[in-house]
Structures are given as C-alpha cells and as structure tokens.
PDB file of N, CA and C in Angstrom:
ATOM      1  N   MET A   1     114.884  72.394 180.021  1.00  0.00           N
ATOM      2  CA  MET A   1     113.597  72.723 179.447  1.00  0.00           C
ATOM      3  C   MET A   1     113.634  72.414 177.953  1.00  0.00           C
ATOM      4  N   THR A   2     112.743  71.567 177.489  1.00  0.00           N
ATOM      5  CA  THR A   2     112.676  71.233 176.075  1.00  0.00           C
ATOM      6  C   THR A   2     111.561  72.031 175.417  1.00  0.00           C
ATOM      7  N   LEU A   3     111.888  72.668 174.328  1.00  0.00           N
ATOM      8  CA  LEU A   3     110.925  73.474 173.599  1.00  0.00           C
ATOM      9  C   LEU A   3     110.399  72.670 172.424  1.00  0.00           C
ATOM     10  N   ASP A   4     109.100  72.775 172.174  1.00  0.00           N
ATOM     11  CA  ASP A   4     108.495  72.051 171.063  1.00  0.00           C
ATOM     12  C   ASP A   4     108.545  72.896 169.799  1.00  0.00           C
ATOM     13  N   TYR A   5     109.392  72.496 168.871  1.00  0.00           N
ATOM     14  CA  TYR A   5     109.498  73.186 167.598  1.00  0.00           C
ATOM     15  C   TYR A   5     108.946  72.286 166.510  1.00  0.00           C
ATOM     16  N   ARG A   6     108.383  72.905 165.494  1.00  0.00           N
ATOM     17  CA  ARG A   6     107.881  72.191 164.329  1.00  0.00           C
ATOM     18  C   ARG A   6     108.624  72.759 163.116  1.00  0.00           C
ATOM     19  N   PHE A   7     109.099  71.880 162.253  1.00  0.00           N
ATOM     20  CA  PHE A   7     109.843  72.282 161.063  1.00  0.00           C
ATOM     21  C   PHE A   7     108.987  72.004 159.833  1.00  0.00           C
ATOM     22  N   GLU A   8     108.772  73.030 159.025  1.00  0.00           N
ATOM     23  CA  GLU A   8     107.988  72.895 157.799  1.00  0.00           C
ATOM     24  C   GLU A   8     108.906  73.183 156.623  1.00  0.00           C
ATOM     25  N   ARG A   9     109.114  72.161 155.786  1.00  0.00           N
ATOM     26  CA  ARG A   9     110.043  72.328 154.659  1.00  0.00           C
ATOM     27  C   ARG A   9     109.501  73.379 153.699  1.00  0.00           C
ATOM     28  N   ASP A  10     110.355  74.329 153.367  1.00  0.00           N
ATOM     29  CA  ASP A  10     110.007  75.406 152.447  1.00  0.00           C
ATOM     30  C   ASP A  10     110.459  75.052 151.035  1.00  0.00           C
ATOM     31  N   CYS A  11     111.657  74.473 150.920  1.00  0.00           N
ATOM     32  CA  CYS A  11     112.158  74.039 149.620  1.00  0.00           C
ATOM     33  C   CYS A  11     113.263  73.007 149.819  1.00  0.00           C
ATOM     34  N   ARG A  12     113.559  72.300 148.717  1.00  0.00           N
ATOM     35  CA  ARG A  12     114.578  71.250 148.773  1.00  0.00           C
ATOM     36  C   ARG A  12     115.252  71.133 147.417  1.00  0.00           C
ATOM     37  N   THR A  13     116.573  70.946 147.442  1.00  0.00           N
ATOM     38  CA  THR A  13     117.348  70.652 146.243  1.00  0.00           C
ATOM     39  C   THR A  13     118.124  69.368 146.545  1.00  0.00           C
ATOM     40  N   PRO A  14     118.885  68.847 145.595  1.00  0.00           N
ATOM     41  CA  PRO A  14     119.649  67.630 145.902  1.00  0.00           C
ATOM     42  C   PRO A  14     120.646  67.797 147.060  1.00  0.00           C
ATOM     43  N   TYR A  15     121.109  69.033 147.317  1.00  0.00           N
ATOM     44  CA  TYR A  15     122.135  69.231 148.330  1.00  0.00           C
ATOM     45  C   TYR A  15     121.767  70.269 149.389  1.00  0.00           C
ATOM     46  N   SER A  16     120.503  70.685 149.438  1.00  0.00           N
ATOM     47  CA  SER A  16     120.118  71.666 150.442  1.00  0.00           C
ATOM     48  C   SER A  16     118.631  71.551 150.762  1.00  0.00           C
ATOM     49  N   GLU A  17     118.286  72.070 151.916  1.00  0.00           N
ATOM     50  CA  GLU A  17     116.895  72.126 152.353  1.00  0.00           C
ATOM     51  C   GLU A  17     116.702  73.413 153.137  1.00  0.00           C
ATOM     52  N   ALA A  18     115.493  73.957 153.092  1.00  0.00           N
ATOM     53  CA  ALA A  18     115.160  75.142 153.874  1.00  0.00           C
ATOM     54  C   ALA A  18     113.856  74.867 154.613  1.00  0.00           C
ATOM     55  N   TYR A  19     113.831  75.256 155.883  1.00  0.00           N
ATOM     56  CA  TYR A  19     112.663  75.033 156.725  1.00  0.00           C
ATOM     57  C   TYR A  19     112.290  76.310 157.454  1.00  0.00           C
ATOM     58  N   VAL A  20     110.985  76.541 157.610  1.00  0.00           N
ATOM     59  CA  VAL A  20     110.543  77.550 158.556  1.00  0.00           C
ATOM     60  C   VAL A  20     110.360  76.831 159.883  1.00  0.00           C
ATOM     61  N   ILE A  21     110.587  77.548 160.963  1.00  0.00           N
ATOM     62  CA  ILE A  21     110.531  76.965 162.303  1.00  0.00           C
ATOM     63  C   ILE A  21     109.376  77.608 163.053  1.00  0.00           C
ATOM     64  N   ALA A  22     108.491  76.774 163.572  1.00  0.00           N
ATOM     65  CA  ALA A  22     107.340  77.270 164.315  1.00  0.00           C
ATOM     66  C   ALA A  22     107.362  76.701 165.723  1.00  0.00           C
ATOM     67  N   GLN A  23     106.788  77.460 166.628  1.00  0.00           N
ATOM     68  CA  GLN A  23     106.602  77.016 168.016  1.00  0.00           C
ATOM     69  C   GLN A  23     105.173  77.402 168.365  1.00  0.00           C
ATOM     70  N   ALA A  24     104.359  76.387 168.689  1.00  0.00           N
ATOM     71  CA  ALA A  24     102.916  76.583 168.843  1.00  0.00           C
ATOM     72  C   ALA A  24     102.420  77.123 167.496  1.00  0.00           C
ATOM     73  N   ASP A  25     101.754  78.254 167.478  1.00  0.00           N
ATOM     74  CA  ASP A  25     101.258  78.822 166.223  1.00  0.00           C
ATOM     75  C   ASP A  25     102.081  80.004 165.741  1.00  0.00           C
ATOM     76  N   GLU A  26     103.280  80.164 166.281  1.00  0.00           N
ATOM     77  CA  GLU A  26     104.103  81.324 165.963  1.00  0.00           C
ATOM     78  C   GLU A  26     105.352  80.918 165.194  1.00  0.00           C
ATOM     79  N   LEU A  27     105.654  81.640 164.111  1.00  0.00           N
ATOM     80  CA  LEU A  27     106.903  81.416 163.388  1.00  0.00           C
ATOM     81  C   LEU A  27     108.031  82.052 164.182  1.00  0.00           C
ATOM     82  N   VAL A  28     109.079  81.262 164.451  1.00  0.00           N
ATOM     83  CA  VAL A  28     110.184  81.761 165.271  1.00  0.00           C
ATOM     84  C   VAL A  28     111.505  81.830 164.518  1.00  0.00           C
ATOM     85  N   GLY A  29     111.555  81.288 163.299  1.00  0.00           N
ATOM     86  CA  GLY A  29     112.808  81.346 162.579  1.00  0.00           C
ATOM     87  C   GLY A  29     112.800  80.563 161.293  1.00  0.00           C
ATOM     88  N   ARG A  30     114.007  80.424 160.749  1.00  0.00           N
ATOM     89  CA  ARG A  30     114.221  79.700 159.497  1.00  0.00           C
ATOM     90  C   ARG A  30     115.618  79.095 159.544  1.00  0.00           C
ATOM     91  N   ILE A  31     115.745  77.889 158.983  1.00  0.00           N
ATOM     92  CA  ILE A  31     117.049  77.239 158.870  1.00  0.00           C
ATOM     93  C   ILE A  31     117.237  76.803 157.422  1.00  0.00           C
ATOM     94  N   ASP A  32     118.387  77.165 156.863  1.00  0.00           N
ATOM     95  CA  ASP A  32     118.797  76.697 155.544  1.00  0.00           C
ATOM     96  C   ASP A  32     119.968  75.755 155.763  1.00  0.00           C
ATOM     97  N   LEU A  33     119.863  74.543 155.241  1.00  0.00           N
ATOM     98  CA  LEU A  33     120.903  73.525 155.403  1.00  0.00           C
ATOM     99  C   LEU A  33     121.525  73.206 154.049  1.00  0.00           C
ATOM    100  N   HIS A  34     122.849  73.159 154.012  1.00  0.00           N
ATOM    101  CA  HIS A  34     123.578  72.849 152.792  1.00  0.00           C
ATOM    102  C   HIS A  34     124.519  71.683 153.086  1.00  0.00           C
ATOM    103  N   PHE A  35     124.325  70.584 152.358  1.00  0.00           N
ATOM    104  CA  PHE A  35     125.067  69.347 152.583  1.00  0.00           C
ATOM    105  C   PHE A  35     126.220  69.248 151.590  1.00  0.00           C
ATOM    106  N   THR A  36     127.443  69.078 152.119  1.00  0.00           N
ATOM    107  CA  THR A  36     128.610  68.857 151.273  1.00  0.00           C
ATOM    108  C   THR A  36     129.085  67.421 151.516  1.00  0.00           C
ATOM    109  N   THR A  37     130.235  67.083 150.958  1.00  0.00           N
ATOM    110  CA  THR A  37     130.708  65.706 151.089  1.00  0.00           C
ATOM    111  C   THR A  37     131.101  65.333 152.514  1.00  0.00           C
ATOM    112  N   ASN A  38     131.538  66.314 153.335  1.00  0.00           N
ATOM    113  CA  ASN A  38     131.983  65.933 154.676  1.00  0.00           C
ATOM    114  C   ASN A  38     131.492  66.861 155.789  1.00  0.00           C
ATOM    115  N   LEU A  39     130.653  67.847 155.454  1.00  0.00           N
ATOM    116  CA  LEU A  39     130.095  68.677 156.516  1.00  0.00           C
ATOM    117  C   LEU A  39     128.757  69.259 156.082  1.00  0.00           C
ATOM    118  N   VAL A  40     128.037  69.781 157.074  1.00  0.00           N
ATOM    119  CA  VAL A  40     126.752  70.427 156.827  1.00  0.00           C
ATOM    120  C   VAL A  40     126.870  71.866 157.307  1.00  0.00           C
ATOM    121  N   ASN A  41     126.527  72.799 156.429  1.00  0.00           N
ATOM    122  CA  ASN A  41     126.494  74.212 156.782  1.00  0.00           C
ATOM    123  C   ASN A  41     125.049  74.627 156.980  1.00  0.00           C
ATOM    124  N   GLY A  42     124.793  75.354 158.049  1.00  0.00           N
ATOM    125  CA  GLY A  42     123.454  75.849 158.303  1.00  0.00           C
ATOM    126  C   GLY A  42     123.456  77.345 158.501  1.00  0.00           C
ATOM    127  N   THR A  43     122.398  77.994 158.048  1.00  0.00           N
ATOM    128  CA  THR A  43     122.166  79.405 158.327  1.00  0.00           C
ATOM    129  C   THR A  43     120.846  79.480 159.076  1.00  0.00           C
ATOM    130  N   LEU A  44     120.934  79.905 160.328  1.00  0.00           N
ATOM    131  CA  LEU A  44     119.772  79.965 161.209  1.00  0.00           C
ATOM    132  C   LEU A  44     119.415  81.422 161.456  1.00  0.00           C
ATOM    133  N   CYS A  45     118.184  81.781 161.174  1.00  0.00           N
ATOM    134  CA  CYS A  45     117.678  83.130 161.438  1.00  0.00           C
ATOM    135  C   CYS A  45     116.576  83.016 162.485  1.00  0.00           C
ATOM    136  N   VAL A  46     116.732  83.744 163.585  1.00  0.00           N
ATOM    137  CA  VAL A  46     115.760  83.693 164.685  1.00  0.00           C
ATOM    138  C   VAL A  46     115.396  85.107 165.115  1.00  0.00           C
ATOM    139  N   GLY A  47     114.329  85.193 165.895  1.00  0.00           N
ATOM    140  CA  GLY A  47     113.858  86.474 166.384  1.00  0.00           C
ATOM    141  C   GLY A  47     114.761  87.083 167.437  1.00  0.00           C
ATOM    142  N   GLU A  48     114.548  88.370 167.670  1.00  0.00           N
ATOM    143  CA  GLU A  48     115.369  89.130 168.610  1.00  0.00           C
ATOM    144  C   GLU A  48     115.240  88.651 170.046  1.00  0.00           C
ATOM    145  N   ASN A  49     114.123  88.028 170.379  1.00  0.00           N
ATOM    146  CA  ASN A  49     113.853  87.683 171.778  1.00  0.00           C
ATOM    147  C   ASN A  49     114.413  86.331 172.209  1.00  0.00           C
ATOM    148  N   MET A  50     115.033  85.564 171.334  1.00  0.00           N
ATOM    149  CA  MET A  50     115.580  84.262 171.719  1.00  0.00           C
ATOM    150  C   MET A  50     116.873  84.444 172.503  1.00  0.00           C
ATOM    151  N   THR A  51     117.009  83.672 173.573  1.00  0.00           N
ATOM    152  CA  THR A  51     118.237  83.716 174.371  1.00  0.00           C
ATOM    153  C   THR A  51     119.296  82.827 173.727  1.00  0.00           C
ATOM    154  N   ALA A  52     120.544  83.003 174.145  1.00  0.00           N
ATOM    155  CA  ALA A  52     121.631  82.165 173.647  1.00  0.00           C
ATOM    156  C   ALA A  52     121.375  80.696 173.981  1.00  0.00           C
ATOM    157  N   GLU A  53     120.830  80.431 175.156  1.00  0.00           N
ATOM    158  CA  GLU A  53     120.523  79.055 175.559  1.00  0.00           C
ATOM    159  C   GLU A  53     119.438  78.458 174.666  1.00  0.00           C
ATOM    160  N   GLU A  54     118.414  79.223 174.339  1.00  0.00           N
ATOM    161  CA  GLU A  54     117.346  78.730 173.452  1.00  0.00           C
ATOM    162  C   GLU A  54     117.882  78.474 172.054  1.00  0.00           C
ATOM    163  N   ILE A  55     118.774  79.330 171.581  1.00  0.00           N
ATOM    164  CA  ILE A  55     119.378  79.132 170.260  1.00  0.00           C
ATOM    165  C   ILE A  55     120.202  77.847 170.236  1.00  0.00           C
ATOM    166  N   ARG A  56     120.983  77.633 171.277  1.00  0.00           N
ATOM    167  CA  ARG A  56     121.814  76.426 171.357  1.00  0.00           C
ATOM    168  C   ARG A  56     120.938  75.166 171.372  1.00  0.00           C
ATOM    169  N   GLU A  57     119.853  75.214 172.133  1.00  0.00           N
ATOM    170  CA  GLU A  57     118.939  74.073 172.189  1.00  0.00           C
ATOM    171  C   GLU A  57     118.271  73.854 170.833  1.00  0.00           C
ATOM    172  N   LEU A  58     117.900  74.933 170.164  1.00  0.00           N
ATOM    173  CA  LEU A  58     117.302  74.810 168.831  1.00  0.00           C
ATOM    174  C   LEU A  58     118.280  74.177 167.855  1.00  0.00           C
ATOM    175  N   ILE A  59     119.544  74.566 167.903  1.00  0.00           N
ATOM    176  CA  ILE A  59     120.553  73.958 167.023  1.00  0.00           C
ATOM    177  C   ILE A  59     120.669  72.463 167.307  1.00  0.00           C
ATOM    178  N   ASP A  60     120.655  72.071 168.575  1.00  0.00           N
ATOM    179  CA  ASP A  60     120.707  70.649 168.920  1.00  0.00           C
ATOM    180  C   ASP A  60     119.501  69.898 168.356  1.00  0.00           C
ATOM    181  N   ILE A  61     118.326  70.504 168.436  1.00  0.00           N
ATOM    182  CA  ILE A  61     117.109  69.873 167.912  1.00  0.00           C
ATOM    183  C   ILE A  61     117.181  69.764 166.395  1.00  0.00           C
ATOM    184  N   ILE A  62     117.676  70.804 165.730  1.00  0.00           N
ATOM    185  CA  ILE A  62     117.844  70.768 164.273  1.00  0.00           C
ATOM    186  C   ILE A  62     118.787  69.638 163.887  1.00  0.00           C
ATOM    187  N   ASP A  63     119.877  69.486 164.629  1.00  0.00           N
ATOM    188  CA  ASP A  63     120.827  68.407 164.361  1.00  0.00           C
ATOM    189  C   ASP A  63     120.148  67.045 164.509  1.00  0.00           C
ATOM    190  N   GLU A  64     119.419  66.863 165.590  1.00  0.00           N
ATOM    191  CA  GLU A  64     118.762  65.577 165.857  1.00  0.00           C
ATOM    192  C   GLU A  64     117.629  65.266 164.884  1.00  0.00           C
ATOM    193  N   GLU A  65     116.837  66.270 164.520  1.00  0.00           N
ATOM    194  CA  GLU A  65     115.630  66.012 163.720  1.00  0.00           C
ATOM    195  C   GLU A  65     115.810  66.182 162.215  1.00  0.00           C
ATOM    196  N   LEU A  66     116.768  67.000 161.797  1.00  0.00           N
ATOM    197  CA  LEU A  66     116.910  67.283 160.364  1.00  0.00           C
ATOM    198  C   LEU A  66     118.237  66.825 159.771  1.00  0.00           C
ATOM    199  N   VAL A  67     119.332  67.000 160.503  1.00  0.00           N
ATOM    200  CA  VAL A  67     120.650  66.704 159.932  1.00  0.00           C
ATOM    201  C   VAL A  67     121.006  65.227 160.065  1.00  0.00           C
ATOM    202  N   LEU A  68     120.972  64.705 161.272  1.00  0.00           N
ATOM    203  CA  LEU A  68     121.361  63.301 161.474  1.00  0.00           C
ATOM    204  C   LEU A  68     120.502  62.313 160.685  1.00  0.00           C
ATOM    205  N   PRO A  69     119.182  62.489 160.598  1.00  0.00           N
ATOM    206  CA  PRO A  69     118.369  61.542 159.827  1.00  0.00           C
ATOM    207  C   PRO A  69     118.630  61.574 158.319  1.00  0.00           C
ATOM    208  N   SER A  70     119.364  62.568 157.834  1.00  0.00           N
ATOM    209  CA  SER A  70     119.611  62.664 156.390  1.00  0.00           C
ATOM    210  C   SER A  70     120.531  61.564 155.877  1.00  0.00           C
ATOM    211  N   ASP A  71     121.193  60.846 156.785  1.00  0.00           N
ATOM    212  CA  ASP A  71     122.095  59.750 156.421  1.00  0.00           C
ATOM    213  C   ASP A  71     123.281  60.195 155.563  1.00  0.00           C
ATOM    214  N   ILE A  72     123.613  61.464 155.631  1.00  0.00           N
ATOM    215  CA  ILE A  72     124.801  61.962 154.938  1.00  0.00           C
ATOM    216  C   ILE A  72     125.915  62.041 155.967  1.00  0.00           C
ATOM    217  N   PRO A  73     126.992  61.268 155.765  1.00  0.00           N
ATOM    218  CA  PRO A  73     128.083  61.294 156.749  1.00  0.00           C
ATOM    219  C   PRO A  73     128.707  62.683 156.824  1.00  0.00           C
ATOM    220  N   ARG A  74     128.991  63.114 158.043  1.00  0.00           N
ATOM    221  CA  ARG A  74     129.560  64.447 158.190  1.00  0.00           C
ATOM    222  C   ARG A  74     130.595  64.466 159.287  1.00  0.00           C
ATOM    223  N   GLU A  75     131.576  65.340 159.120  1.00  0.00           N
ATOM    224  CA  GLU A  75     132.584  65.546 160.152  1.00  0.00           C
ATOM    225  C   GLU A  75     132.191  66.681 161.081  1.00  0.00           C
ATOM    226  N   ASP A  76     131.373  67.607 160.579  1.00  0.00           N
ATOM    227  CA  ASP A  76     131.004  68.760 161.391  1.00  0.00           C
ATOM    228  C   ASP A  76     129.672  69.336 160.914  1.00  0.00           C
ATOM    229  N   PHE A  77     128.998  70.045 161.809  1.00  0.00           N
ATOM    230  CA  PHE A  77     127.783  70.783 161.520  1.00  0.00           C
ATOM    231  C   PHE A  77     128.052  72.219 161.950  1.00  0.00           C
ATOM    232  N   ILE A  78     128.203  73.104 160.976  1.00  0.00           N
ATOM    233  CA  ILE A  78     128.549  74.498 161.234  1.00  0.00           C
ATOM    234  C   ILE A  78     127.307  75.352 161.013  1.00  0.00           C
ATOM    235  N   VAL A  79     126.943  76.151 162.022  1.00  0.00           N
ATOM    236  CA  VAL A  79     125.731  76.958 161.940  1.00  0.00           C
ATOM    237  C   VAL A  79     126.085  78.435 162.150  1.00  0.00           C
ATOM    238  N   SER A  80     125.728  79.255 161.186  1.00  0.00           N
ATOM    239  CA  SER A  80     125.821  80.712 161.337  1.00  0.00           C
ATOM    240  C   SER A  80     124.453  81.193 161.787  1.00  0.00           C
ATOM    241  N   VAL A  81     124.423  81.973 162.862  1.00  0.00           N
ATOM    242  CA  VAL A  81     123.152  82.414 163.435  1.00  0.00           C
ATOM    243  C   VAL A  81     123.002  83.912 163.233  1.00  0.00           C
ATOM    244  N   TYR A  82     121.835  84.302 162.741  1.00  0.00           N
ATOM    245  CA  TYR A  82     121.471  85.703 162.579  1.00  0.00           C
ATOM    246  C   TYR A  82     120.240  85.954 163.431  1.00  0.00           C
ATOM    247  N   GLN A  83     120.289  87.017 164.205  1.00  0.00           N
ATOM    248  CA  GLN A  83     119.202  87.293 165.134  1.00  0.00           C
ATOM    249  C   GLN A  83     118.681  88.708 164.885  1.00  0.00           C
ATOM    250  N   GLY A  84     117.382  88.807 164.699  1.00  0.00           N
ATOM    251  CA  GLY A  84     116.792  90.120 164.439  1.00  0.00           C
ATOM    252  C   GLY A  84     115.314  89.985 164.129  1.00  0.00           C
ATOM    253  N   ARG A  85     114.826  90.871 163.301  1.00  0.00           N
ATOM    254  CA  ARG A  85     113.419  90.847 162.930  1.00  0.00           C
ATOM    255  C   ARG A  85     113.297  90.702 161.422  1.00  0.00           C
ATOM    256  N   GLU A  86     112.179  90.157 160.991  1.00  0.00           N
ATOM    257  CA  GLU A  86     111.943  89.993 159.564  1.00  0.00           C
ATOM    258  C   GLU A  86     111.608  91.342 158.949  1.00  0.00           C
ATOM    259  N   ALA A  87     112.270  91.659 157.859  1.00  0.00           N
ATOM    260  CA  ALA A  87     112.028  92.924 157.170  1.00  0.00           C
ATOM    261  C   ALA A  87     111.023  92.759 156.035  1.00  0.00           C
ATOM    262  N   GLY A  88     110.704  91.527 155.673  1.00  0.00           N
ATOM    263  CA  GLY A  88     109.740  91.273 154.611  1.00  0.00           C
ATOM    264  C   GLY A  88     110.172  90.117 153.750  1.00  0.00           C
ATOM    265  N   VAL A  89     109.282  89.716 152.868  1.00  0.00           N
ATOM    266  CA  VAL A  89     109.556  88.678 151.886  1.00  0.00           C
ATOM    267  C   VAL A  89     109.303  89.305 150.525  1.00  0.00           C
ATOM    268  N   PHE A  90     110.277  89.236 149.651  1.00  0.00           N
ATOM    269  CA  PHE A  90     110.192  89.902 148.365  1.00  0.00           C
ATOM    270  C   PHE A  90     110.278  88.884 147.244  1.00  0.00           C
ATOM    271  N   SER A  91     109.570  89.137 146.143  1.00  0.00           N
ATOM    272  CA  SER A  91     109.612  88.229 144.997  1.00  0.00           C
ATOM    273  C   SER A  91     109.486  89.040 143.710  1.00  0.00           C
ATOM    274  N   ASP A  92     109.818  88.421 142.583  1.00  0.00           N
ATOM    275  CA  ASP A  92     109.673  89.076 141.290  1.00  0.00           C
ATOM    276  C   ASP A  92     108.224  89.486 141.051  1.00  0.00           C
ATOM    277  N   GLU A  93     107.287  88.629 141.458  1.00  0.00           N
ATOM    278  CA  GLU A  93     105.869  88.914 141.254  1.00  0.00           C
ATOM    279  C   GLU A  93     105.468  90.229 141.931  1.00  0.00           C
ATOM    280  N   GLU A  94     105.966  90.473 143.111  1.00  0.00           N
ATOM    281  CA  GLU A  94     105.652  91.712 143.812  1.00  0.00           C
ATOM    282  C   GLU A  94     106.177  92.911 143.034  1.00  0.00           C
ATOM    283  N   PHE A  95     107.407  92.821 142.515  1.00  0.00           N
ATOM    284  CA  PHE A  95     107.987  93.929 141.764  1.00  0.00           C
ATOM    285  C   PHE A  95     107.268  94.140 140.438  1.00  0.00           C
ATOM    286  N   ASP A  96     106.790  93.065 139.805  1.00  0.00           N
ATOM    287  CA  ASP A  96     106.029  93.197 138.554  1.00  0.00           C
ATOM    288  C   ASP A  96     104.725  93.957 138.797  1.00  0.00           C
ATOM    289  N   ASP A  97     104.069  93.720 139.939  1.00  0.00           N
ATOM    290  CA  ASP A  97     102.836  94.421 140.269  1.00  0.00           C
ATOM    291  C   ASP A  97     103.093  95.907 140.435  1.00  0.00           C
ATOM    292  N   ASP A  98     104.244  96.292 140.999  1.00  0.00           N
ATOM    293  CA  ASP A  98     104.592  97.700 141.171  1.00  0.00           C
ATOM    294  C   ASP A  98     104.779  98.387 139.821  1.00  0.00           C
ATOM    295  N   ASP A  99     105.302  97.667 138.824  1.00  0.00           N
ATOM    296  CA  ASP A  99     105.523  98.240 137.495  1.00  0.00           C
ATOM    297  C   ASP A  99     104.221  98.551 136.790  1.00  0.00           C
ATOM    298  N   ASP A 100     103.153  97.816 137.135  1.00  0.00           N
ATOM    299  CA  ASP A 100     101.850  98.023 136.499  1.00  0.00           C
ATOM    300  C   ASP A 100     101.173  99.302 136.949  1.00  0.00           C
ATOM    301  N   ASP A 101     101.588  99.862 138.079  1.00  0.00           N
ATOM    302  CA  ASP A 101     100.942 101.064 138.622  1.00  0.00           C
ATOM    303  C   ASP A 101     101.333 102.321 137.891  1.00  0.00           C
TER     304      ASP A 101
END
C-alpha cells in the first residue's frame, strides 16, 4: 500500500532542510534532515497513530523524494523517530506578547 505524502519545506540552510509532512489535508509529521560529508541524519516526528510499517514506508519515501535527489553522496541515512502528539509551537514573539500583559 503506497501512501500519498506531500512535503512542504519549512526552512533550509546550506547543510539542512526541514519539512512538514501532510497526507491529504492533514499534517502527519515533520522531518529535519542534516547533510554531512558522508551521511544524512534525519529526525522524524510523527503522530501516535502511525504503525511501524507506515513509518518505515514514510522513511523510504523521504529517502526517495528528499534525500537521494539532493545529489549529496552518502554512505548511510540514519533516522531517529519520535512518535507522539504535538504540544505546541513556541516563538519569541509569543513570549513577548505575554510580557505585555
């Protein structure tokens, strides 16, 4: 079973990229990729309801669609997976607004 995922770049630096992962109209996760001279490290955060098989398939899709096309030679693609729920998104701007109260 192939799942249709869409990757929307959130940010990019010379050696890293971050994407939010959507399926249909629902956000299902985030992947941060860090490119070194001989390997790619990824941090994948997904929801609590994803199965191990779905996570493995998602990693394969990330490799095919985001890592391999980067044309950076690599010996390995290492992915740390975190599974749970989003607790929020925090920024300096939010904390500055709290100080005004």
